[in-house]
Amino acid sequence: MTINFKEKVNNKKAMFSCENREELFLNLDRTITATLHYCLKGGEWNEDQITCRILGQLRDDFAKCSIAHDEYKNSPSCFTLDAYKNRAKDKVEFKFGDIGILIRIHFDNDKSIEGVALLEAKRIYTSEFGQDHVTYPHFKELKINQLKRCIKNSVNHRTIFYDFYSTAKGVKFQAKTIPSQHLVELNNKKREVTQYAEDFSFSLAHRYMQGSELNYSSEIIDAFKGNSPDTEAIGNLVVIDYYPNSNKLLGKNTSKDINMNVYEEIEKNGFNTNDWYPNKQQPLNRKLAANE
């Protein structure tokens, strides 16, 4: 089951509603897939633009979200989501990668905990649709030494791959994540490396919002918030406030403790993810990027 986006996202104050985590996963995937399609179609197929578009669209579609039957908690739950970019993102190389996801879990006894997920973003280089002058599809900018630095500075570091390719049924779009330590061991830039990865939407819905695979170091968390004078932590920041035992938000407070001298909100994309078929595939069109 999927939710009618036109009813939910066009009202900025409306709360997006899902029946369970699996439905949340499917709708997150719908948004991410449609945004990848939008980036390719619009000539924005580079890591920075894709990342900003995806994070901004996740904010636009899931700024406030409720889960009627959260199977992990056996109760209703809800969350808010905001997205920011670092004001210095075009000037420095960040210590932990391209994307930080700050998760705050608010328990029902006024206790809370926060941790961050870390990701480095890489896009596919391919000759399809005349996109790149390469002889085979691969993640050209994947740099093992860069990943080693990220791994050294944190735990549970992942890499996210932005990819598309033609099938007999159409063009498939996907955003996949894999532990960066696995990539260091595999030392492989070819597309085949994605066979070991999982959907980014799955990581969001079933890992990070459960508090899994996060960094709980206060030093890293402060750096991600922009409150560490010595560390430019991350290029793009998502902040999720998750309430695991409630269907009511306690106020949209995702900007709390975020240094807005370091960050600014990612701009609204201005397109509706309901305008494109959600199942990752589009009728095959060899002139997709230019003419669709």
Foldseek 3Di string as FASTA:
>chain_A
DEDDQVVALVDVPHAAEAAELVRQLLVLLLLLLLLLLVCLQAVNQDFVSSVLSSLLSCQSRHQKYKHQQYPVQRAIKIKGKFKKFFPCLVPDDAQQAAEKEKEWEQEPVRDIAIFIATEHEFEWADCFLPRHPDPAIWRVPDDLVSLVRNVVVFPLYKYWYWYWDADPAAIFTAIWIDRSVVCNVVVDGHPVVRVRTHGPSCCVSPAVNVVHSTTRDPVLVCCLLVNDPVGVHHGMYMYMYMYSHDRDDPDSDRNPSRPVVGIDGRDNPPDGSVVDDRPRGDGYDSNSNHPD
